[in-house]
Structure formats: structure tokens, C-alpha cells
């Protein structure tokens, strides 16, 4: 299937059509990298790369046209190979030295600066971090007033958001889906991150 090179937002999973206001039934398909298509009320998750064995991705559901494969090169590192076996980049999990912080990530794509994925709370200027803190406090107060999370006293949680940056550019944002901001990023590296991080 052509077009994977231009994917801007995707998720990894087997839901081909989520429930919406106008379509209340979830539809399933094979486990795949799926790009978001359509409006909120008519949303589909179109497959662009199908998950095969041993952290591999294929262009077809029959798993005959290899797109890329992720190969472990260490305890916290992986090389991403293209269909001919050439390395197109690497992914590294950077363990935190602080017990309460989750690990960061790094993607290295030849010919481009290293991309580091860090939690949104650890990126940006002090002013930007202060603005994020104020936004979180306001959201928490509103959730308390509206009763969100009343069962058992736990608030609803969202997946961790990572901002993927070079020293001067926002390249990608990942949480429950992955949104690519930089055209130069090889999509196969973003797909591979989704495989190793799941």
C-alpha cells in the first residue's frame, strides 16, 4: 500500500472504526499502524502497515511486502532496518536516574539531529512550563467541580505525552496517538517507536 511516507497522525492497534456519536459500534481489523481518516463523526483508522512477527511491519495484510523490521541491539536500544536490511535509524530508551520519572527516548536518523522524546513537563522555557502548570491546575479544579472521577476518588488519567524535539524543532508528539510535525522524519522510525513502546 502506498502513502505511508506521508502519514501525519497514526495509532497502533486493531480498531478500524471507533465508536462515534453517529456510529456506536466498534469495528476491528488486523493489528496495524493506522492513520486517522475522516471527521469525528465518521472516523476510520485506515491501515498503512501491518504488524508481523518479531517487531516487523508489512505493507499488506498477507505479510508478504516487508516495510521495516526492528531489531534489538542492546537492553535499551533497537535498530530499524528497511526491506533490504539496511539500517535507517535507531531508537534508544533512556532510563531515568530519578525513581519517580519515567524514561525518555531518542531517535537517531542519519543526516539529521538526534530527536529526544521527553515528557511535556520537562520541555520548554520556564515561562512555558509555568503556563502548563496553571493549565493543569485549572483543569483539575474544573474536573472536581464537574464530578469527573468521582468513583473511588480517582481522576481519569490520560496517556503520557512526549514531545519529540531536536535542539530547535518540535518533530513529533506522542500520547494515545502519534502526530508527526516535521516532514523530514522517516515515518518508519515513528512506526518502529510505536512497536517498541507498546
C-alpha atoms as a PDB file:
ATOM      1  CA  UNK A   1       0.000   0.000   0.000  1.00  0.00           C
ATOM      2  CA  UNK A   2       1.421   3.395  -0.986  1.00  0.00           C
ATOM      3  CA  UNK A   3       1.180   6.521   1.089  1.00  0.00           C
ATOM      4  CA  UNK A   4       2.849   5.522   4.360  1.00  0.00           C
ATOM      5  CA  UNK A   5       5.558   8.149   3.720  1.00  0.00           C
ATOM      6  CA  UNK A   6       3.023  10.957   4.161  1.00  0.00           C
ATOM      7  CA  UNK A   7       1.186   9.764   7.272  1.00  0.00           C
ATOM      8  CA  UNK A   8       0.823  12.678   9.725  1.00  0.00           C
ATOM      9  CA  UNK A   9      -1.130  11.101  12.580  1.00  0.00           C
ATOM     10  CA  UNK A  10      -1.440   7.439  13.434  1.00  0.00           C
ATOM     11  CA  UNK A  11      -2.088   4.893  16.121  1.00  0.00           C
ATOM     12  CA  UNK A  12      -1.118   1.248  16.567  1.00  0.00           C
ATOM     13  CA  UNK A  13      -3.934  -1.219  17.103  1.00  0.00           C
ATOM     14  CA  UNK A  14      -6.711  -3.371  15.718  1.00  0.00           C
ATOM     15  CA  UNK A  15      -9.630  -0.907  15.839  1.00  0.00           C
ATOM     16  CA  UNK A  16     -10.571   0.010  12.280  1.00  0.00           C
ATOM     17  CA  UNK A  17     -13.563   2.170  13.174  1.00  0.00           C
ATOM     18  CA  UNK A  18     -14.087   3.592  16.670  1.00  0.00           C
ATOM     19  CA  UNK A  19     -17.485   4.332  18.157  1.00  0.00           C
ATOM     20  CA  UNK A  20     -18.738   7.871  17.450  1.00  0.00           C
ATOM     21  CA  UNK A  21     -21.931   9.859  18.029  1.00  0.00           C
ATOM     22  CA  UNK A  22     -23.372   8.579  14.744  1.00  0.00           C
ATOM     23  CA  UNK A  23     -21.825   5.094  14.738  1.00  0.00           C
ATOM     24  CA  UNK A  24     -21.932   3.394  18.133  1.00  0.00           C
ATOM     25  CA  UNK A  25     -20.338   0.085  17.157  1.00  0.00           C
ATOM     26  CA  UNK A  26     -16.577  -0.527  17.232  1.00  0.00           C
ATOM     27  CA  UNK A  27     -15.185  -2.381  14.207  1.00  0.00           C
ATOM     28  CA  UNK A  28     -11.969  -4.389  14.349  1.00  0.00           C
ATOM     29  CA  UNK A  29      -9.320  -5.495  11.873  1.00  0.00           C
ATOM     30  CA  UNK A  30      -5.743  -6.794  11.908  1.00  0.00           C
ATOM     31  CA  UNK A  31      -3.146  -5.222  14.209  1.00  0.00           C
ATOM     32  CA  UNK A  32      -1.639  -2.369  12.198  1.00  0.00           C
ATOM     33  CA  UNK A  33      -0.288   1.141  12.062  1.00  0.00           C
ATOM     34  CA  UNK A  34      -3.499   3.063  11.364  1.00  0.00           C
ATOM     35  CA  UNK A  35      -3.868   6.622  10.106  1.00  0.00           C
ATOM     36  CA  UNK A  36      -6.814   8.704  11.250  1.00  0.00           C
ATOM     37  CA  UNK A  37      -9.195   9.443   8.359  1.00  0.00           C
ATOM     38  CA  UNK A  38     -12.495  11.302   8.216  1.00  0.00           C
ATOM     39  CA  UNK A  39     -14.378  13.582  10.587  1.00  0.00           C
ATOM     40  CA  UNK A  40     -15.038  12.981  14.279  1.00  0.00           C
ATOM     41  CA  UNK A  41     -18.473  11.514  13.493  1.00  0.00           C
ATOM     42  CA  UNK A  42     -17.256   9.351  10.592  1.00  0.00           C
ATOM     43  CA  UNK A  43     -13.764   8.422  11.721  1.00  0.00           C
ATOM     44  CA  UNK A  44     -11.877   5.475  10.311  1.00  0.00           C
ATOM     45  CA  UNK A  45      -8.426   4.165  11.180  1.00  0.00           C
ATOM     46  CA  UNK A  46      -7.009   3.090   7.838  1.00  0.00           C
ATOM     47  CA  UNK A  47      -4.174   0.522   7.961  1.00  0.00           C
ATOM     48  CA  UNK A  48      -0.873   1.604   6.405  1.00  0.00           C
ATOM     49  CA  UNK A  49       1.480  -1.036   7.816  1.00  0.00           C
ATOM     50  CA  UNK A  50       0.522  -4.415   9.233  1.00  0.00           C
ATOM     51  CA  UNK A  51       2.249  -5.862  12.293  1.00  0.00           C
ATOM     52  CA  UNK A  52       4.114  -9.107  11.633  1.00  0.00           C
ATOM     53  CA  UNK A  53       6.242 -11.365  13.813  1.00  0.00           C
ATOM     54  CA  UNK A  54       9.416 -10.194  15.551  1.00  0.00           C
ATOM     55  CA  UNK A  55       8.577  -6.466  15.504  1.00  0.00           C
ATOM     56  CA  UNK A  56       8.178  -6.279  11.741  1.00  0.00           C
ATOM     57  CA  UNK A  57       5.816  -4.169   9.631  1.00  0.00           C
ATOM     58  CA  UNK A  58       4.407  -5.108   6.240  1.00  0.00           C
ATOM     59  CA  UNK A  59       2.592  -3.170   3.537  1.00  0.00           C
ATOM     60  CA  UNK A  60      -0.009  -5.889   3.010  1.00  0.00           C
ATOM     61  CA  UNK A  61      -2.277  -7.898   5.289  1.00  0.00           C
ATOM     62  CA  UNK A  62      -0.790 -11.163   3.962  1.00  0.00           C
ATOM     63  CA  UNK A  63       2.630 -10.067   5.333  1.00  0.00           C
ATOM     64  CA  UNK A  64       4.498 -10.540   2.049  1.00  0.00           C
ATOM     65  CA  UNK A  65       5.841  -6.983   1.436  1.00  0.00           C
ATOM     66  CA  UNK A  66       8.207  -6.036   4.251  1.00  0.00           C
ATOM     67  CA  UNK A  67       8.304  -2.326   5.140  1.00  0.00           C
ATOM     68  CA  UNK A  68      10.732  -2.450   8.061  1.00  0.00           C
ATOM     69  CA  UNK A  69      11.882  -4.528  10.997  1.00  0.00           C
ATOM     70  CA  UNK A  70      13.008  -3.516  14.464  1.00  0.00           C
ATOM     71  CA  UNK A  71      15.996  -5.455  15.844  1.00  0.00           C
ATOM     72  CA  UNK A  72      17.200  -5.213  19.449  1.00  0.00           C
ATOM     73  CA  UNK A  73      20.843  -4.115  19.650  1.00  0.00           C
ATOM     74  CA  UNK A  74      21.045  -3.860  23.441  1.00  0.00           C
ATOM     75  CA  UNK A  75      18.917  -3.822  26.558  1.00  0.00           C
ATOM     76  CA  UNK A  76      17.505  -0.363  25.742  1.00  0.00           C
ATOM     77  CA  UNK A  77      18.299   0.097  22.035  1.00  0.00           C
ATOM     78  CA  UNK A  78      16.922  -1.005  18.682  1.00  0.00           C
ATOM     79  CA  UNK A  79      17.978  -0.650  15.052  1.00  0.00           C
ATOM     80  CA  UNK A  80      15.319  -0.127  12.391  1.00  0.00           C
ATOM     81  CA  UNK A  81      16.028  -1.954   9.108  1.00  0.00           C
ATOM     82  CA  UNK A  82      14.361  -1.290   5.754  1.00  0.00           C
ATOM     83  CA  UNK A  83      13.058  -4.022   3.446  1.00  0.00           C
ATOM     84  CA  UNK A  84      16.589  -4.632   2.102  1.00  0.00           C
ATOM     85  CA  UNK A  85      18.100  -4.988   5.579  1.00  0.00           C
ATOM     86  CA  UNK A  86      19.842  -1.582   5.668  1.00  0.00           C
ATOM     87  CA  UNK A  87      19.703   0.375   8.931  1.00  0.00           C
ATOM     88  CA  UNK A  88      17.571   3.510   8.515  1.00  0.00           C
ATOM     89  CA  UNK A  89      17.878   4.694  12.122  1.00  0.00           C
ATOM     90  CA  UNK A  90      17.981   3.724  15.768  1.00  0.00           C
ATOM     91  CA  UNK A  91      15.720   4.060  18.804  1.00  0.00           C
ATOM     92  CA  UNK A  92      17.100   4.265  22.334  1.00  0.00           C
ATOM     93  CA  UNK A  93      15.233   4.154  25.627  1.00  0.00           C
ATOM     94  CA  UNK A  94      16.953   6.472  28.106  1.00  0.00           C
ATOM     95  CA  UNK A  95      16.319   5.202  31.643  1.00  0.00           C
ATOM     96  CA  UNK A  96      15.675   7.906  34.216  1.00  0.00           C
ATOM     97  CA  UNK A  97      18.108   8.254  37.105  1.00  0.00           C
ATOM     98  CA  UNK A  98      15.268   9.587  39.249  1.00  0.00           C
ATOM     99  CA  UNK A  99      12.977   6.919  40.703  1.00  0.00           C
ATOM    100  CA  UNK A 100       9.678   8.741  40.068  1.00  0.00           C
ATOM    101  CA  UNK A 101      10.365   9.766  36.463  1.00  0.00           C
ATOM    102  CA  UNK A 102       9.613   7.529  33.515  1.00  0.00           C
ATOM    103  CA  UNK A 103      12.252   7.004  30.813  1.00  0.00           C
ATOM    104  CA  UNK A 104      12.877   9.329  27.896  1.00  0.00           C
ATOM    105  CA  UNK A 105      13.526   8.190  24.330  1.00  0.00           C
ATOM    106  CA  UNK A 106      15.835   9.142  21.466  1.00  0.00           C
ATOM    107  CA  UNK A 107      15.526   8.562  17.722  1.00  0.00           C
ATOM    108  CA  UNK A 108      18.611   8.880  15.527  1.00  0.00           C
ATOM    109  CA  UNK A 109      18.032   9.291  11.791  1.00  0.00           C
ATOM    110  CA  UNK A 110      21.186   9.588   9.674  1.00  0.00           C
ATOM    111  CA  UNK A 111      21.707  13.074   8.273  1.00  0.00           C
ATOM    112  CA  UNK A 112      19.523  14.751  10.892  1.00  0.00           C
ATOM    113  CA  UNK A 113      19.965  15.898  14.505  1.00  0.00           C
ATOM    114  CA  UNK A 114      19.044  13.475  17.280  1.00  0.00           C
ATOM    115  CA  UNK A 115      15.394  13.621  18.341  1.00  0.00           C
ATOM    116  CA  UNK A 116      14.685  13.311  22.054  1.00  0.00           C
ATOM    117  CA  UNK A 117      11.230  12.392  23.330  1.00  0.00           C
ATOM    118  CA  UNK A 118      10.653  13.806  26.787  1.00  0.00           C
ATOM    119  CA  UNK A 119       7.571  14.273  28.879  1.00  0.00           C
ATOM    120  CA  UNK A 120       5.873  17.590  28.144  1.00  0.00           C
ATOM    121  CA  UNK A 121       6.628  18.717  31.708  1.00  0.00           C
ATOM    122  CA  UNK A 122      10.349  18.606  31.001  1.00  0.00           C
ATOM    123  CA  UNK A 123      10.341  20.578  27.751  1.00  0.00           C
ATOM    124  CA  UNK A 124      10.246  24.260  27.049  1.00  0.00           C
ATOM    125  CA  UNK A 125      11.223  27.502  28.696  1.00  0.00           C
ATOM    126  CA  UNK A 126      10.405  28.307  32.355  1.00  0.00           C
ATOM    127  CA  UNK A 127       7.560  30.555  31.191  1.00  0.00           C
ATOM    128  CA  UNK A 128       6.086  27.766  29.093  1.00  0.00           C
ATOM    129  CA  UNK A 129       6.370  25.297  31.978  1.00  0.00           C
ATOM    130  CA  UNK A 130       4.596  27.769  34.293  1.00  0.00           C
ATOM    131  CA  UNK A 131       1.776  28.149  31.755  1.00  0.00           C
ATOM    132  CA  UNK A 132       1.409  24.361  31.587  1.00  0.00           C
ATOM    133  CA  UNK A 133       1.225  24.171  35.381  1.00  0.00           C
ATOM    134  CA  UNK A 134      -1.535  26.812  35.512  1.00  0.00           C
ATOM    135  CA  UNK A 135      -3.483  24.976  32.800  1.00  0.00           C
ATOM    136  CA  UNK A 136      -3.241  21.697  34.725  1.00  0.00           C
ATOM    137  CA  UNK A 137      -4.427  23.334  37.960  1.00  0.00           C
ATOM    138  CA  UNK A 138      -7.435  24.908  36.219  1.00  0.00           C
ATOM    139  CA  UNK A 139      -8.301  21.587  34.543  1.00  0.00           C
ATOM    140  CA  UNK A 140      -8.077  19.840  37.915  1.00  0.00           C
ATOM    141  CA  UNK A 141     -10.419  22.354  39.537  1.00  0.00           C
ATOM    142  CA  UNK A 142     -12.933  22.041  36.692  1.00  0.00           C
ATOM    143  CA  UNK A 143     -12.798  18.242  36.885  1.00  0.00           C
ATOM    144  CA  UNK A 144     -13.501  18.474  40.627  1.00  0.00           C
ATOM    145  CA  UNK A 145     -16.480  20.783  40.078  1.00  0.00           C
ATOM    146  CA  UNK A 146     -17.978  18.617  37.349  1.00  0.00           C
ATOM    147  CA  UNK A 147     -17.523  15.363  39.269  1.00  0.00           C
ATOM    148  CA  UNK A 148     -15.151  13.716  36.804  1.00  0.00           C
ATOM    149  CA  UNK A 149     -13.516  10.764  38.516  1.00  0.00           C
ATOM    150  CA  UNK A 150     -15.925  10.630  41.472  1.00  0.00           C
ATOM    151  CA  UNK A 151     -15.967   6.832  41.558  1.00  0.00           C
ATOM    152  CA  UNK A 152     -13.424   5.789  44.144  1.00  0.00           C
ATOM    153  CA  UNK A 153     -11.983   9.295  44.222  1.00  0.00           C
ATOM    154  CA  UNK A 154      -9.613   8.640  41.311  1.00  0.00           C
ATOM    155  CA  UNK A 155      -9.383  11.123  38.497  1.00  0.00           C
ATOM    156  CA  UNK A 156      -9.446   9.954  34.934  1.00  0.00           C
ATOM    157  CA  UNK A 157      -5.950   9.593  33.523  1.00  0.00           C
ATOM    158  CA  UNK A 158      -4.662  10.171  30.027  1.00  0.00           C
ATOM    159  CA  UNK A 159      -1.676   8.563  28.419  1.00  0.00           C
ATOM    160  CA  UNK A 160       1.706  10.188  28.880  1.00  0.00           C
ATOM    161  CA  UNK A 161       2.503  12.892  26.341  1.00  0.00           C
ATOM    162  CA  UNK A 162       6.012  13.051  24.906  1.00  0.00           C
ATOM    163  CA  UNK A 163       7.314  15.990  22.907  1.00  0.00           C
ATOM    164  CA  UNK A 164       9.962  14.847  20.435  1.00  0.00           C
ATOM    165  CA  UNK A 165      12.448  17.632  19.699  1.00  0.00           C
ATOM    166  CA  UNK A 166      15.780  18.367  18.165  1.00  0.00           C
ATOM    167  CA  UNK A 167      17.626  21.265  19.773  1.00  0.00           C
ATOM    168  CA  UNK A 168      15.431  23.746  17.879  1.00  0.00           C
ATOM    169  CA  UNK A 169      12.448  21.928  16.333  1.00  0.00           C
ATOM    170  CA  UNK A 170       9.342  20.062  17.500  1.00  0.00           C
ATOM    171  CA  UNK A 171       9.402  16.897  15.378  1.00  0.00           C
ATOM    172  CA  UNK A 172       6.671  14.690  16.815  1.00  0.00           C
ATOM    173  CA  UNK A 173       4.144  14.448  19.663  1.00  0.00           C
ATOM    174  CA  UNK A 174       3.111  11.080  21.081  1.00  0.00           C
ATOM    175  CA  UNK A 175       0.392  10.061  23.521  1.00  0.00           C
ATOM    176  CA  UNK A 176      -2.528   7.769  22.631  1.00  0.00           C
ATOM    177  CA  UNK A 177      -1.679   8.567  19.008  1.00  0.00           C
ATOM    178  CA  UNK A 178       1.445   9.888  17.312  1.00  0.00           C
ATOM    179  CA  UNK A 179       1.387  13.188  15.423  1.00  0.00           C
ATOM    180  CA  UNK A 180       4.309  13.994  13.116  1.00  0.00           C
ATOM    181  CA  UNK A 181       5.210  17.651  12.744  1.00  0.00           C
ATOM    182  CA  UNK A 182       8.445  17.505  10.690  1.00  0.00           C
ATOM    183  CA  UNK A 183       8.234  16.389   7.062  1.00  0.00           C
ATOM    184  CA  UNK A 184      11.799  15.072   7.098  1.00  0.00           C
ATOM    185  CA  UNK A 185      11.171  12.403   9.745  1.00  0.00           C
ATOM    186  CA  UNK A 186      11.234   8.906   8.232  1.00  0.00           C
ATOM    187  CA  UNK A 187       7.803   7.563   9.152  1.00  0.00           C
ATOM    188  CA  UNK A 188       9.237   4.069   9.614  1.00  0.00           C
ATOM    189  CA  UNK A 189      11.150   5.324  12.666  1.00  0.00           C
ATOM    190  CA  UNK A 190       7.950   6.697  14.201  1.00  0.00           C
ATOM    191  CA  UNK A 191       6.164   3.422  13.409  1.00  0.00           C
ATOM    192  CA  UNK A 192       9.039   1.486  14.992  1.00  0.00           C
ATOM    193  CA  UNK A 193       8.822   3.576  18.167  1.00  0.00           C
ATOM    194  CA  UNK A 194       5.142   2.621  18.438  1.00  0.00           C
ATOM    195  CA  UNK A 195       6.157  -1.056  18.218  1.00  0.00           C
ATOM    196  CA  UNK A 196       8.862  -0.949  20.884  1.00  0.00           C
ATOM    197  CA  UNK A 197       6.970   1.337  23.275  1.00  0.00           C
ATOM    198  CA  UNK A 198       3.705  -0.643  23.380  1.00  0.00           C
END
